[in-house]
């Protein structure tokens, strides 16, 4: 599901360094979520993946505004 959202964002390179940074943050939060899930810290894992999806949603929204 997360990977589908990343694909929906599309290419961010032409949108500048800020968009690329936001995508990197989303990927970092997704990685953190997997780590916390492995530690069975489900609340923190859910918070991390929710934040990651929120960042991707923001990128998708900005893409649609172009």
Protein backbone atom coordinates (compact mmCIF):
# COMPACT_ATOMS: atom_id res chain seq x y z
CA UNK A 1 0.00 0.00 0.00
CA UNK A 2 2.78 2.45 0.87
CA UNK A 3 4.62 1.59 -2.34
CA UNK A 4 1.43 2.32 -4.31
CA UNK A 5 1.25 5.74 -2.70
CA UNK A 6 4.89 6.41 -3.58
CA UNK A 7 4.15 5.53 -7.22
CA UNK A 8 1.10 7.83 -7.17
CA UNK A 9 3.33 10.73 -6.13
CA UNK A 10 5.28 10.31 -9.34
CA UNK A 11 8.63 11.84 -10.09
CA UNK A 12 9.64 14.59 -7.69
CA UNK A 13 13.00 15.50 -9.22
CA UNK A 14 11.52 18.16 -11.50
CA UNK A 15 9.59 19.63 -8.55
CA UNK A 16 12.75 20.68 -6.78
CA UNK A 17 14.86 19.78 -3.82
CA UNK A 18 12.07 20.43 -1.29
CA UNK A 19 9.79 17.82 -2.81
CA UNK A 20 12.65 15.33 -2.94
CA UNK A 21 13.39 16.02 0.73
CA UNK A 22 9.74 15.43 1.70
CA UNK A 23 9.76 12.13 -0.21
CA UNK A 24 12.96 11.09 1.60
CA UNK A 25 11.33 11.93 4.93
CA UNK A 26 8.31 9.79 4.03
CA UNK A 27 10.59 6.89 3.16
CA UNK A 28 12.47 7.33 6.45
CA UNK A 29 9.21 7.29 8.43
CA UNK A 30 8.12 4.14 6.60
CA UNK A 31 11.42 2.51 7.48
CA UNK A 32 10.97 3.56 11.11
CA UNK A 33 7.49 2.04 11.08
CA UNK A 34 8.91 -1.32 9.98
CA UNK A 35 11.52 -1.13 12.71
CA UNK A 36 8.96 -0.38 15.42
CA UNK A 37 6.68 -3.09 14.07
CA UNK A 38 9.52 -5.57 14.47
CA UNK A 39 9.85 -4.47 18.09
CA UNK A 40 6.08 -4.92 18.51
CA UNK A 41 5.69 -1.23 19.34
CA UNK A 42 2.47 -1.03 17.36
CA UNK A 43 1.42 2.46 18.44
CA UNK A 44 4.67 4.06 17.34
CA UNK A 45 4.72 1.98 14.13
CA UNK A 46 1.21 3.16 13.30
CA UNK A 47 2.15 6.77 14.05
CA UNK A 48 5.20 6.57 11.78
CA UNK A 49 3.37 5.03 8.83
CA UNK A 50 0.50 7.49 9.24
CA UNK A 51 2.93 10.39 9.13
CA UNK A 52 4.65 8.90 6.07
CA UNK A 53 1.32 8.62 4.26
CA UNK A 54 0.47 12.18 5.23
CA UNK A 55 3.68 13.43 3.65
CA UNK A 56 2.91 11.47 0.47
CA UNK A 57 -0.62 12.87 0.42
CA UNK A 58 0.83 16.38 0.60
CA UNK A 59 3.12 15.65 -2.36
CA UNK A 60 0.20 14.22 -4.35
CA UNK A 61 -1.89 17.29 -3.55
CA UNK A 62 0.88 19.62 -4.72
CA UNK A 63 1.30 17.55 -7.89
CA UNK A 64 -2.41 17.93 -8.65
CA UNK A 65 -2.21 21.71 -8.17
CA UNK A 66 0.25 22.10 -11.05
